[in-house]
Amino acid sequence: RQYCKNGIDESVMEQVRIMKENLPNVEEDNDVPGPVQSYLTRRKGTISIIAEYKRKFAVEDGFVKEMFEPEVLSPTFREFGARGVAVMADERIGGCSYDDIAAIVKEQEGAKGDMPGPVPVISSDLIVDEVQIARSASVGAQAVVVTIGVVGQEKVGFFIKCARAVGLETIVAVSTKEEAQAAVDIGARIISVVGIDDVEDKVAVISDLNVPETATVCTIANILANDNKALEEVEEAWICRDKGFNSVWVSDALYKSGNDPSEHAGAIIKGMAAKSSVKWASAKAMGGKGEGAREYLGDILM
């Protein structure tokens, strides 16, 4: 709202015009997976990692005090195996702006022709208006996040169409089984389970979804940070993979302070993407917290 009051950039207005022009022709039942959905949906038995960049945390203690600039962390995310980079663009919550999205998009585009190449960039703003979708498109994001519990089912359906009109995919955030089914019913093909700590409760949200025969749904588990220096989040990613999730979204857990040097953001991503399992390994072997485990994060990263 404040952004609109201050005057909308011409690049954003151009995306608004494109959106309005294309909206009448957007297919509601287009079940062909987009590039972001395809990139996040890997073969069975593997998990893709979405790394979220932010400058602010919900609590001050236990996290790094100075965040690297997006141009510095963006290649770290990519080179250590992230399949997507999200930016918490709500300045009140994550301390980032759309300029940070643009900076990461520019850095990722600079990796074209490299191995690994660019990964999708996701705008993770608290979207309540289609202008935010146009703004995301104007800075080069490839997907946006819409929360069904915030704007409701009807509005989410409209936002999915708005995003398609400017070439973006939509990740719908859900917290209940009912919200997940409602999201699928209105055309969401990427859903993210948020605000739930217990893995079994996350699984319950996506279990037995009624998905059209012609469609596939990419499921994302949002991993919450624990208030300690252990690495339960890495093990949780392994469990989510084994329970059938296609992807995990990790944010604050990437930025815990005081960890061993092997536990920087890139190492956490690589550990989560490893083919290890809690049946055979533990990631918690720091400072005596995991004696007896047969494999530790440092071993996984070698």
Protein backbone atom coordinates (compact mmCIF):
# COMPACT_ATOMS: atom_id res chain seq x y z
CA ARG A 1 0.00 0.00 0.00
CA GLN A 2 2.79 2.42 0.94
CA TYR A 3 4.62 1.50 -2.26
CA CYS A 4 1.57 2.44 -4.34
CA LYS A 5 1.18 5.72 -2.44
CA ASN A 6 4.78 6.62 -3.22
CA GLY A 7 4.28 6.04 -6.92
CA ILE A 8 4.57 2.81 -8.90
CA ASP A 9 7.70 2.37 -11.01
CA GLU A 10 7.18 2.39 -14.76
CA SER A 11 8.69 -1.11 -15.06
CA VAL A 12 6.02 -2.37 -12.67
CA MET A 13 3.24 -0.52 -14.51
CA GLU A 14 4.39 -2.22 -17.70
CA GLN A 15 3.93 -5.61 -16.01
CA VAL A 16 0.48 -4.50 -14.79
CA ARG A 17 -0.45 -3.65 -18.37
CA ILE A 18 0.82 -7.02 -19.61
CA MET A 19 -1.12 -8.73 -16.82
CA LYS A 20 -4.40 -7.03 -17.72
CA GLU A 21 -3.89 -7.74 -21.40
CA ASN A 22 -3.14 -11.44 -20.89
CA LEU A 23 -5.61 -12.26 -18.07
CA PRO A 24 -8.60 -13.00 -20.33
CA ASN A 25 -6.53 -15.60 -22.19
CA VAL A 26 -5.03 -17.40 -19.19
CA GLU A 27 -6.00 -21.07 -19.14
CA GLU A 28 -7.41 -22.07 -15.76
CA ASP A 29 -6.80 -25.79 -16.29
CA ASN A 30 -3.27 -25.70 -17.67
CA ASP A 31 -1.65 -28.69 -15.94
CA VAL A 32 1.66 -28.62 -17.82
CA PRO A 33 4.36 -28.24 -15.12
CA GLY A 34 6.23 -24.95 -15.37
CA PRO A 35 10.02 -24.68 -15.22
CA VAL A 36 10.08 -23.91 -11.47
CA GLN A 37 7.84 -26.87 -10.61
CA SER A 38 9.89 -29.13 -12.86
CA TYR A 39 13.17 -27.95 -11.36
CA LEU A 40 11.96 -28.52 -7.80
CA THR A 41 10.49 -31.95 -8.53
CA ARG A 42 13.39 -34.37 -8.64
CA ARG A 43 13.34 -38.14 -8.95
CA LYS A 44 11.89 -40.21 -6.12
CA GLY A 45 14.23 -40.63 -3.18
CA THR A 46 15.81 -37.18 -3.53
CA ILE A 47 14.89 -33.78 -2.14
CA SER A 48 15.35 -30.30 -3.57
CA ILE A 49 16.34 -27.42 -1.31
CA ILE A 50 14.92 -23.88 -1.44
CA ALA A 51 17.24 -21.51 0.42
CA GLU A 52 15.63 -18.32 1.69
CA TYR A 53 17.63 -15.12 1.92
CA LYS A 54 16.65 -12.69 4.66
CA ARG A 55 18.26 -9.94 6.71
CA LYS A 56 16.06 -10.10 9.81
CA PHE A 57 15.07 -12.94 12.14
CA ALA A 58 12.06 -13.45 14.39
CA VAL A 59 14.38 -13.58 17.43
CA GLU A 60 17.75 -11.89 17.85
CA ASP A 61 19.63 -14.51 19.83
CA GLY A 62 21.22 -17.52 18.18
CA PHE A 63 21.63 -16.15 14.65
CA VAL A 64 24.36 -14.36 12.77
CA LYS A 65 24.57 -10.65 13.57
CA GLU A 66 25.73 -9.46 10.15
CA MET A 67 24.18 -10.90 7.01
CA PHE A 68 26.24 -11.12 3.82
CA GLU A 69 24.94 -9.17 0.84
CA PRO A 70 22.73 -11.12 -1.60
CA GLU A 71 25.43 -11.12 -4.29
CA VAL A 72 27.69 -13.03 -1.87
CA LEU A 73 25.23 -15.66 -0.65
CA SER A 74 23.49 -16.24 -3.98
CA PRO A 75 26.40 -18.20 -5.54
CA THR A 76 26.89 -20.11 -2.27
CA PHE A 77 23.28 -21.30 -2.40
CA ARG A 78 23.66 -22.41 -6.01
CA GLU A 79 27.11 -24.00 -5.78
CA PHE A 80 26.17 -26.08 -2.73
CA GLY A 81 23.10 -27.52 -4.37
CA ALA A 82 20.04 -25.34 -3.72
CA ARG A 83 17.40 -25.78 -6.41
CA GLY A 84 15.77 -22.44 -5.69
CA VAL A 85 16.50 -19.17 -3.90
CA ALA A 86 13.68 -17.33 -2.15
CA VAL A 87 13.85 -13.78 -0.87
CA MET A 88 11.72 -12.70 2.09
CA ALA A 89 10.76 -9.41 0.46
CA ASP A 90 8.47 -8.17 3.23
CA GLU A 91 10.81 -5.68 4.90
CA ARG A 92 8.91 -5.82 8.20
CA ILE A 93 9.41 -9.58 8.52
CA GLY A 94 12.57 -10.43 6.63
CA GLY A 95 14.31 -7.09 6.29
CA CYS A 96 14.71 -7.49 2.52
CA SER A 97 13.36 -5.52 -0.41
CA TYR A 98 12.64 -6.10 -4.08
CA ASP A 99 16.13 -4.71 -4.73
CA ASP A 100 17.47 -7.85 -3.04
CA ILE A 101 15.40 -10.01 -5.39
CA ALA A 102 16.82 -8.08 -8.36
CA ALA A 103 20.38 -8.50 -7.04
CA ILE A 104 20.01 -12.27 -6.69
CA VAL A 105 18.34 -12.57 -10.09
CA LYS A 106 21.27 -10.69 -11.65
CA GLU A 107 23.84 -12.90 -9.92
CA GLN A 108 22.02 -16.08 -10.91
CA GLU A 109 21.72 -14.95 -14.53
CA GLY A 110 25.49 -14.43 -14.52
CA ALA A 111 25.89 -18.20 -14.02
CA LYS A 112 24.38 -19.07 -17.41
CA GLY A 113 26.68 -21.53 -19.12
CA ASP A 114 28.27 -22.55 -15.82
CA MET A 115 27.85 -25.79 -13.90
CA PRO A 116 25.73 -25.54 -11.85
CA GLY A 117 23.70 -23.01 -13.78
CA PRO A 118 21.16 -20.47 -12.53
CA VAL A 119 18.43 -21.57 -10.16
CA PRO A 120 14.91 -20.09 -9.96
CA VAL A 121 14.40 -17.03 -7.78
CA ILE A 122 11.21 -16.85 -5.72
CA SER A 123 9.56 -13.68 -4.39
CA SER A 124 8.40 -14.45 -0.86
CA ASP A 125 6.44 -11.32 -0.03
CA LEU A 126 3.17 -11.24 1.92
CA ILE A 127 1.14 -10.81 -1.25
CA VAL A 128 -2.28 -9.20 -0.91
CA ASP A 129 -2.47 -7.31 -4.21
CA GLU A 130 -1.72 -8.11 -7.84
CA VAL A 131 0.66 -5.12 -8.00
CA GLN A 132 3.07 -7.14 -5.85
CA ILE A 133 2.96 -9.90 -8.45
CA ALA A 134 3.70 -7.38 -11.19
CA ARG A 135 6.54 -5.99 -9.08
CA SER A 136 7.98 -9.49 -8.64
CA ALA A 137 7.90 -9.99 -12.40
CA SER A 138 9.56 -6.64 -13.01
CA VAL A 139 12.65 -7.60 -10.98
CA GLY A 140 12.98 -11.00 -12.63
CA ALA A 141 11.50 -13.43 -10.09
CA GLN A 142 10.19 -16.67 -11.57
CA ALA A 143 7.65 -17.52 -8.88
CA VAL A 144 5.67 -15.86 -6.10
CA VAL A 145 4.30 -17.14 -2.80
CA VAL A 146 0.64 -16.63 -1.91
CA THR A 147 -0.78 -17.68 1.47
CA ILE A 148 -4.29 -19.09 1.32
CA GLY A 149 -4.85 -18.47 5.03
CA VAL A 150 -4.20 -14.74 4.49
CA VAL A 151 -6.14 -13.92 1.33
CA GLY A 152 -8.61 -16.82 1.01
CA GLN A 153 -9.33 -19.38 -1.69
CA GLU A 154 -11.01 -17.08 -4.21
CA LYS A 155 -8.22 -14.51 -4.11
CA VAL A 156 -5.56 -17.20 -4.44
CA GLY A 157 -7.24 -18.45 -7.61
CA PHE A 158 -7.18 -14.93 -9.00
CA PHE A 159 -3.53 -14.43 -8.05
CA ILE A 160 -2.55 -17.71 -9.75
CA LYS A 161 -4.08 -16.36 -12.96
CA CYS A 162 -2.37 -12.97 -12.49
CA ALA A 163 0.98 -14.70 -12.05
CA ARG A 164 0.49 -16.82 -15.16
CA ALA A 165 -0.41 -13.69 -17.09
CA VAL A 166 3.10 -12.29 -16.48
CA GLY A 167 4.92 -15.62 -16.84
CA LEU A 168 5.29 -16.50 -13.14
CA GLU A 169 4.46 -19.65 -11.23
CA THR A 170 2.69 -19.62 -7.88
CA ILE A 171 3.63 -21.42 -4.68
CA VAL A 172 0.58 -21.59 -2.41
CA ALA A 173 1.35 -21.71 1.31
CA VAL A 174 -1.03 -23.88 3.35
CA SER A 175 -1.29 -24.94 6.98
CA THR A 176 -4.12 -27.47 6.96
CA LYS A 177 -5.28 -30.39 4.86
CA GLU A 178 -8.40 -28.41 3.93
CA GLU A 179 -6.31 -25.49 2.69
CA ALA A 180 -4.09 -27.86 0.69
CA GLN A 181 -7.07 -29.45 -1.06
CA ALA A 182 -8.64 -26.05 -1.71
CA ALA A 183 -5.36 -24.88 -3.25
CA VAL A 184 -5.22 -27.89 -5.57
CA ASP A 185 -8.88 -27.42 -6.52
CA ILE A 186 -8.24 -23.85 -7.72
CA GLY A 187 -5.20 -24.82 -9.78
CA ALA A 188 -2.20 -24.67 -7.44
CA ARG A 189 0.47 -27.11 -8.57
CA ILE A 190 3.14 -26.16 -6.03
CA ILE A 191 2.07 -26.14 -2.39
CA SER A 192 4.19 -25.33 0.64
CA VAL A 193 3.29 -26.54 4.12
CA VAL A 194 4.07 -23.71 6.57
CA GLY A 195 3.81 -23.01 10.28
CA ILE A 196 3.93 -26.67 11.37
CA ASP A 197 6.78 -28.10 13.41
CA ASP A 198 6.06 -31.84 13.61
CA VAL A 199 6.96 -33.82 10.47
CA GLU A 200 4.00 -36.19 10.77
CA ASP A 201 1.65 -33.21 10.99
CA LYS A 202 3.22 -31.82 7.82
CA VAL A 203 2.74 -35.14 6.06
CA ALA A 204 -0.92 -35.21 7.14
CA VAL A 205 -1.51 -31.92 5.29
CA ILE A 206 -0.50 -33.39 1.91
CA SER A 207 -1.63 -36.99 2.33
CA ASP A 208 -4.43 -38.30 0.12
CA LEU A 209 -4.90 -35.10 -1.85
CA ASN A 210 -7.42 -35.39 -4.66
CA VAL A 211 -5.32 -34.29 -7.67
CA PRO A 212 -6.68 -34.23 -11.24
CA GLU A 213 -5.46 -37.16 -13.33
CA THR A 214 -3.68 -34.84 -15.76
CA ALA A 215 -1.87 -32.89 -13.03
CA THR A 216 1.08 -33.32 -10.71
CA VAL A 217 1.63 -31.38 -7.50
CA CYS A 218 5.03 -30.44 -6.10
CA THR A 219 5.00 -30.48 -2.29
CA ILE A 220 7.32 -28.37 -0.14
CA ALA A 221 7.91 -28.73 3.61
CA ASN A 222 8.90 -25.53 5.39
CA ILE A 223 11.54 -26.40 7.99
CA LEU A 224 11.45 -24.27 11.13
CA ALA A 225 14.69 -23.47 12.95
CA ASN A 226 15.28 -25.07 16.34
CA ASP A 227 16.60 -22.87 19.15
CA ASN A 228 19.85 -24.75 19.60
CA LYS A 229 23.16 -25.38 17.85
CA ALA A 230 22.33 -28.95 16.87
CA LEU A 231 21.41 -29.90 13.34
CA GLU A 232 18.00 -31.50 13.69
CA GLU A 233 16.88 -29.46 10.67
CA VAL A 234 19.19 -31.47 8.40
CA GLU A 235 17.75 -34.72 9.67
CA GLU A 236 14.23 -33.31 9.29
CA ALA A 237 14.96 -32.69 5.60
CA TRP A 238 15.93 -36.35 5.22
CA ILE A 239 12.74 -37.46 6.96
CA CYS A 240 10.59 -35.16 4.79
CA ARG A 241 12.24 -36.68 1.71
CA ASP A 242 11.55 -40.21 2.92
CA LYS A 243 7.94 -39.24 3.69
CA GLY A 244 7.36 -38.15 0.09
CA PHE A 245 7.94 -34.38 0.02
CA ASN A 246 9.55 -33.11 -3.18
CA SER A 247 11.30 -30.14 -1.61
CA VAL A 248 12.13 -28.40 1.66
CA TRP A 249 12.18 -24.67 2.27
CA VAL A 250 14.88 -23.65 4.74
CA SER A 251 15.35 -20.15 6.10
CA ASP A 252 16.55 -19.26 9.61
CA ALA A 253 18.29 -22.61 10.08
CA LEU A 254 20.86 -21.52 7.47
CA TYR A 255 22.03 -18.66 9.66
CA LYS A 256 22.57 -20.05 13.14
CA SER A 257 25.54 -18.43 14.87
CA GLY A 258 28.36 -20.13 16.69
CA ASN A 259 28.39 -23.30 14.63
CA ASP A 260 31.47 -25.13 13.42
CA PRO A 261 32.95 -23.68 10.17
CA SER A 262 31.65 -26.72 8.29
CA GLU A 263 28.12 -25.61 9.14
CA HIS A 264 27.80 -22.44 7.04
CA ALA A 265 24.72 -22.00 4.86
CA GLY A 266 26.16 -23.95 1.95
CA ALA A 267 27.12 -26.87 4.18
CA ILE A 268 23.63 -27.06 5.63
CA ILE A 269 22.14 -27.13 2.12
CA LYS A 270 24.53 -29.86 1.01
CA GLY A 271 23.82 -31.87 4.14
CA MET A 272 20.06 -31.66 3.56
CA ALA A 273 20.44 -32.76 -0.06
CA ALA A 274 22.68 -35.70 0.87
CA LYS A 275 21.38 -39.22 0.35
CA SER A 276 21.85 -39.99 4.02
CA SER A 277 19.05 -41.23 6.27
CA VAL A 278 18.36 -41.08 9.98
CA LYS A 279 18.41 -44.89 9.82
CA TRP A 280 22.15 -44.83 9.12
CA ALA A 281 23.42 -41.37 10.03
CA SER A 282 23.13 -38.38 12.29
CA ALA A 283 23.94 -34.76 11.54
CA LYS A 284 24.09 -33.73 15.20
CA ALA A 285 27.70 -34.51 16.06
CA MET A 286 28.86 -31.11 17.27
CA GLY A 287 30.24 -30.42 20.72
CA GLY A 288 29.43 -33.90 21.96
CA LYS A 289 25.77 -33.69 20.96
CA GLY A 290 25.88 -36.74 18.74
CA GLU A 291 28.40 -39.29 20.02
CA GLY A 292 27.70 -42.74 18.70
CA ALA A 293 26.27 -41.63 15.36
CA ARG A 294 27.82 -43.44 12.43
CA GLU A 295 28.02 -40.49 10.11
CA TYR A 296 28.17 -36.77 10.83
CA LEU A 297 27.63 -33.70 8.70
CA GLY A 298 31.36 -33.17 8.28
CA ASP A 299 31.68 -36.69 6.86
CA ILE A 300 28.77 -36.16 4.52
CA LEU A 301 30.39 -33.05 3.08
CA MET A 302 33.75 -34.68 2.32
